[in-house]
Amino acid sequence: MDTIDRQIINQLQNAFPICDRPYQVMAESFGISEQELIERIEQMLEQKQLSRFGPMYHAERMGGGLSLCAMRLPDDQFDRVCEQVNSFPEVAHNYARDHKFNMWFVLATETPERIEEVLQEIEAVTGYPVYNMPKKEEFFIGLKFEL
């Protein structure tokens, strides 16, 4: 990762232009071409320097559902279940925790009712219960990692 990659990551955490050629606008601010910016982002994704690049939508404001979920899995089943859980398009992200509830993921669905349906589907596929923890109150922290 070089200086330009760090600048790209830092800027992407702050804003992304809404215009006809957002990559071109961003690339100009780094002194590189639009194509080079796109290639750098793709390379950082491939090398797992970035886990995700895309918009964050507020599912509830759009009429959808959003919930934090957890599972308690045996270590020897974690990878299998993780793959199964991640196969659901409604799973926004999934991560391991050093806790008795060792898998946590976020569900984002088109309707609030779909949350329960997806939870039941995940339980049927994996054979393990899913603990649903819908939010009661929202707090915006604005976490950014300066590189």
C-alpha atoms as a PDB file:
ATOM      1  CA  MET A   1       0.000   0.000   0.000  1.00  0.00           C
ATOM      2  CA  ASP A   2       1.531   3.294  -1.066  1.00  0.00           C
ATOM      3  CA  THR A   3       0.758   6.930  -0.234  1.00  0.00           C
ATOM      4  CA  ILE A   4      -1.913   7.222  -2.929  1.00  0.00           C
ATOM      5  CA  ASP A   5      -3.691   4.076  -1.682  1.00  0.00           C
ATOM      6  CA  ARG A   6      -3.750   5.571   1.811  1.00  0.00           C
ATOM      7  CA  GLN A   7      -5.129   8.850   0.460  1.00  0.00           C
ATOM      8  CA  ILE A   8      -7.828   6.937  -1.438  1.00  0.00           C
ATOM      9  CA  ILE A   9      -8.917   5.047   1.684  1.00  0.00           C
ATOM     10  CA  ASN A  10      -8.910   8.183   3.820  1.00  0.00           C
ATOM     11  CA  GLN A  11     -10.972  10.116   1.265  1.00  0.00           C
ATOM     12  CA  LEU A  12     -13.434   7.284   0.629  1.00  0.00           C
ATOM     13  CA  GLN A  13     -14.286   7.254   4.338  1.00  0.00           C
ATOM     14  CA  ASN A  14     -15.271  10.915   4.159  1.00  0.00           C
ATOM     15  CA  ALA A  15     -17.253  11.277   0.959  1.00  0.00           C
ATOM     16  CA  PHE A  16     -17.822  10.042  -2.552  1.00  0.00           C
ATOM     17  CA  PRO A  17     -18.939  12.533  -5.209  1.00  0.00           C
ATOM     18  CA  ILE A  18     -22.454  12.303  -6.565  1.00  0.00           C
ATOM     19  CA  CYS A  19     -22.042  13.214 -10.219  1.00  0.00           C
ATOM     20  CA  ASP A  20     -21.799  11.677 -13.699  1.00  0.00           C
ATOM     21  CA  ARG A  21     -18.115  10.659 -13.292  1.00  0.00           C
ATOM     22  CA  PRO A  22     -17.401  10.305  -9.552  1.00  0.00           C
ATOM     23  CA  TYR A  23     -14.264   8.193 -10.075  1.00  0.00           C
ATOM     24  CA  GLN A  24     -12.854  10.801 -12.439  1.00  0.00           C
ATOM     25  CA  VAL A  25     -13.505  13.603  -9.945  1.00  0.00           C
ATOM     26  CA  MET A  26     -11.849  11.628  -7.143  1.00  0.00           C
ATOM     27  CA  ALA A  27      -8.928  10.556  -9.342  1.00  0.00           C
ATOM     28  CA  GLU A  28      -8.145  14.165 -10.259  1.00  0.00           C
ATOM     29  CA  SER A  29      -7.787  15.023  -6.573  1.00  0.00           C
ATOM     30  CA  PHE A  30      -5.096  12.299  -6.287  1.00  0.00           C
ATOM     31  CA  GLY A  31      -3.337  13.248  -9.523  1.00  0.00           C
ATOM     32  CA  ILE A  32      -4.120   9.917 -11.199  1.00  0.00           C
ATOM     33  CA  SER A  33      -6.418   8.748 -13.984  1.00  0.00           C
ATOM     34  CA  GLU A  34      -9.943   7.492 -13.467  1.00  0.00           C
ATOM     35  CA  GLN A  35      -8.878   4.030 -14.685  1.00  0.00           C
ATOM     36  CA  GLU A  36      -5.955   3.914 -12.237  1.00  0.00           C
ATOM     37  CA  LEU A  37      -8.262   4.787  -9.335  1.00  0.00           C
ATOM     38  CA  ILE A  38     -10.663   1.996 -10.275  1.00  0.00           C
ATOM     39  CA  GLU A  39      -7.769  -0.475 -10.630  1.00  0.00           C
ATOM     40  CA  ARG A  40      -6.327   0.536  -7.251  1.00  0.00           C
ATOM     41  CA  ILE A  41      -9.692   0.028  -5.521  1.00  0.00           C
ATOM     42  CA  GLU A  42     -10.122  -3.365  -7.213  1.00  0.00           C
ATOM     43  CA  GLN A  43      -6.586  -4.383  -6.193  1.00  0.00           C
ATOM     44  CA  MET A  44      -7.136  -3.349  -2.553  1.00  0.00           C
ATOM     45  CA  LEU A  45     -10.342  -5.420  -2.520  1.00  0.00           C
ATOM     46  CA  GLU A  46      -8.572  -8.443  -4.055  1.00  0.00           C
ATOM     47  CA  GLN A  47      -5.716  -8.175  -1.547  1.00  0.00           C
ATOM     48  CA  LYS A  48      -8.224  -7.846   1.336  1.00  0.00           C
ATOM     49  CA  GLN A  49      -6.862  -4.399   2.248  1.00  0.00           C
ATOM     50  CA  LEU A  50     -10.482  -3.293   1.865  1.00  0.00           C
ATOM     51  CA  SER A  51     -13.285  -5.617   2.877  1.00  0.00           C
ATOM     52  CA  ARG A  52     -16.000  -3.698   1.095  1.00  0.00           C
ATOM     53  CA  PHE A  53     -16.482  -0.726  -1.200  1.00  0.00           C
ATOM     54  CA  GLY A  54     -19.978   0.599  -1.710  1.00  0.00           C
ATOM     55  CA  PRO A  55     -22.733   2.755  -0.312  1.00  0.00           C
ATOM     56  CA  MET A  56     -24.235   2.263   3.131  1.00  0.00           C
ATOM     57  CA  TYR A  57     -28.018   2.485   2.967  1.00  0.00           C
ATOM     58  CA  HIS A  58     -30.308   3.154   5.894  1.00  0.00           C
ATOM     59  CA  ALA A  59     -32.586   0.166   5.322  1.00  0.00           C
ATOM     60  CA  GLU A  60     -35.245   1.245   7.805  1.00  0.00           C
ATOM     61  CA  ARG A  61     -35.673   4.692   6.253  1.00  0.00           C
ATOM     62  CA  MET A  62     -36.191   2.959   2.928  1.00  0.00           C
ATOM     63  CA  GLY A  63     -38.963   0.783   4.404  1.00  0.00           C
ATOM     64  CA  GLY A  64     -36.743  -2.207   5.090  1.00  0.00           C
ATOM     65  CA  GLY A  65     -35.563  -4.070   8.159  1.00  0.00           C
ATOM     66  CA  LEU A  66     -32.202  -4.103   9.917  1.00  0.00           C
ATOM     67  CA  SER A  67     -31.050  -6.260  12.813  1.00  0.00           C
ATOM     68  CA  LEU A  68     -27.918  -7.459  14.586  1.00  0.00           C
ATOM     69  CA  CYS A  69     -27.819 -11.238  14.975  1.00  0.00           C
ATOM     70  CA  ALA A  70     -25.589 -13.701  16.821  1.00  0.00           C
ATOM     71  CA  MET A  71     -24.975 -17.429  16.834  1.00  0.00           C
ATOM     72  CA  ARG A  72     -23.237 -19.767  19.253  1.00  0.00           C
ATOM     73  CA  LEU A  73     -21.295 -22.337  17.216  1.00  0.00           C
ATOM     74  CA  PRO A  74     -18.827 -25.137  17.916  1.00  0.00           C
ATOM     75  CA  ASP A  75     -15.380 -24.192  16.611  1.00  0.00           C
ATOM     76  CA  ASP A  76     -15.345 -27.112  14.178  1.00  0.00           C
ATOM     77  CA  GLN A  77     -18.619 -25.873  12.596  1.00  0.00           C
ATOM     78  CA  PHE A  78     -17.774 -22.176  12.358  1.00  0.00           C
ATOM     79  CA  ASP A  79     -16.377 -22.105   8.804  1.00  0.00           C
ATOM     80  CA  ARG A  80     -19.204 -24.233   7.378  1.00  0.00           C
ATOM     81  CA  VAL A  81     -21.909 -22.158   9.034  1.00  0.00           C
ATOM     82  CA  CYS A  82     -20.161 -18.907   8.107  1.00  0.00           C
ATOM     83  CA  GLU A  83     -20.259 -19.887   4.449  1.00  0.00           C
ATOM     84  CA  GLN A  84     -23.934 -20.802   4.728  1.00  0.00           C
ATOM     85  CA  VAL A  85     -24.856 -17.558   6.508  1.00  0.00           C
ATOM     86  CA  ASN A  86     -22.874 -15.470   4.028  1.00  0.00           C
ATOM     87  CA  SER A  87     -24.734 -17.069   1.122  1.00  0.00           C
ATOM     88  CA  PHE A  88     -27.844 -15.076   2.094  1.00  0.00           C
ATOM     89  CA  PRO A  89     -27.952 -11.778   0.175  1.00  0.00           C
ATOM     90  CA  GLU A  90     -29.538 -10.105   3.216  1.00  0.00           C
ATOM     91  CA  VAL A  91     -26.371 -10.617   5.310  1.00  0.00           C
ATOM     92  CA  ALA A  92     -24.598  -7.263   5.196  1.00  0.00           C
ATOM     93  CA  HIS A  93     -21.469  -8.386   7.046  1.00  0.00           C
ATOM     94  CA  ASN A  94     -20.390 -11.217   9.292  1.00  0.00           C
ATOM     95  CA  TYR A  95     -17.567 -11.461  11.809  1.00  0.00           C
ATOM     96  CA  ALA A  96     -16.151 -13.777  14.454  1.00  0.00           C
ATOM     97  CA  ARG A  97     -16.003 -12.793  18.126  1.00  0.00           C
ATOM     98  CA  ASP A  98     -14.060 -14.287  21.016  1.00  0.00           C
ATOM     99  CA  HIS A  99     -17.188 -14.933  23.065  1.00  0.00           C
ATOM    100  CA  LYS A 100     -19.668 -17.763  23.635  1.00  0.00           C
ATOM    101  CA  PHE A 101     -21.708 -16.067  20.900  1.00  0.00           C
ATOM    102  CA  ASN A 102     -18.895 -16.339  18.387  1.00  0.00           C
ATOM    103  CA  MET A 103     -20.586 -15.295  15.128  1.00  0.00           C
ATOM    104  CA  TRP A 104     -22.244 -11.900  14.676  1.00  0.00           C
ATOM    105  CA  PHE A 105     -23.840 -10.569  11.523  1.00  0.00           C
ATOM    106  CA  VAL A 106     -26.162  -7.832  10.338  1.00  0.00           C
ATOM    107  CA  LEU A 107     -29.300  -8.508   8.329  1.00  0.00           C
ATOM    108  CA  ALA A 108     -30.673  -5.847   6.005  1.00  0.00           C
ATOM    109  CA  THR A 109     -33.968  -6.757   4.348  1.00  0.00           C
ATOM    110  CA  GLU A 110     -36.426  -5.107   1.973  1.00  0.00           C
ATOM    111  CA  THR A 111     -39.226  -5.280   4.548  1.00  0.00           C
ATOM    112  CA  PRO A 112     -39.188  -5.514   8.355  1.00  0.00           C
ATOM    113  CA  GLU A 113     -41.180  -8.768   8.159  1.00  0.00           C
ATOM    114  CA  ARG A 114     -38.439 -10.368   6.054  1.00  0.00           C
ATOM    115  CA  ILE A 115     -36.031 -10.302   9.045  1.00  0.00           C
ATOM    116  CA  GLU A 116     -37.879 -13.131  10.800  1.00  0.00           C
ATOM    117  CA  GLU A 117     -38.220 -15.093   7.569  1.00  0.00           C
ATOM    118  CA  VAL A 118     -34.471 -14.922   6.881  1.00  0.00           C
ATOM    119  CA  LEU A 119     -33.653 -15.883  10.479  1.00  0.00           C
ATOM    120  CA  GLN A 120     -35.842 -18.972  10.131  1.00  0.00           C
ATOM    121  CA  GLU A 121     -34.198 -19.821   6.800  1.00  0.00           C
ATOM    122  CA  ILE A 122     -30.708 -19.491   8.293  1.00  0.00           C
ATOM    123  CA  GLU A 123     -31.679 -21.719  11.221  1.00  0.00           C
ATOM    124  CA  ALA A 124     -33.094 -24.328   8.830  1.00  0.00           C
ATOM    125  CA  VAL A 125     -29.969 -24.349   6.656  1.00  0.00           C
ATOM    126  CA  THR A 126     -27.381 -24.286   9.459  1.00  0.00           C
ATOM    127  CA  GLY A 127     -29.153 -26.300  12.136  1.00  0.00           C
ATOM    128  CA  TYR A 128     -28.282 -23.688  14.789  1.00  0.00           C
ATOM    129  CA  PRO A 129     -30.444 -21.024  16.462  1.00  0.00           C
ATOM    130  CA  VAL A 130     -29.992 -17.374  15.569  1.00  0.00           C
ATOM    131  CA  TYR A 131     -30.387 -14.741  18.285  1.00  0.00           C
ATOM    132  CA  ASN A 132     -32.058 -11.612  16.916  1.00  0.00           C
ATOM    133  CA  MET A 133     -31.168  -8.310  18.581  1.00  0.00           C
ATOM    134  CA  PRO A 134     -33.051  -5.483  16.862  1.00  0.00           C
ATOM    135  CA  LYS A 135     -31.914  -2.023  17.791  1.00  0.00           C
ATOM    136  CA  LYS A 136     -33.927   0.016  20.224  1.00  0.00           C
ATOM    137  CA  GLU A 137     -32.192   3.315  19.639  1.00  0.00           C
ATOM    138  CA  GLU A 138     -29.753   4.509  16.988  1.00  0.00           C
ATOM    139  CA  PHE A 139     -26.505   6.340  17.668  1.00  0.00           C
ATOM    140  CA  PHE A 140     -24.270   7.749  14.952  1.00  0.00           C
ATOM    141  CA  ILE A 141     -20.597   7.581  15.832  1.00  0.00           C
ATOM    142  CA  GLY A 142     -18.934   8.355  12.501  1.00  0.00           C
ATOM    143  CA  LEU A 143     -15.971   6.031  12.960  1.00  0.00           C
ATOM    144  CA  LYS A 144     -13.100   6.635  10.524  1.00  0.00           C
ATOM    145  CA  PHE A 145      -9.628   5.145  10.375  1.00  0.00           C
ATOM    146  CA  GLU A 146      -7.003   7.602   9.194  1.00  0.00           C
ATOM    147  CA  LEU A 147      -4.118   5.855   7.405  1.00  0.00           C
END
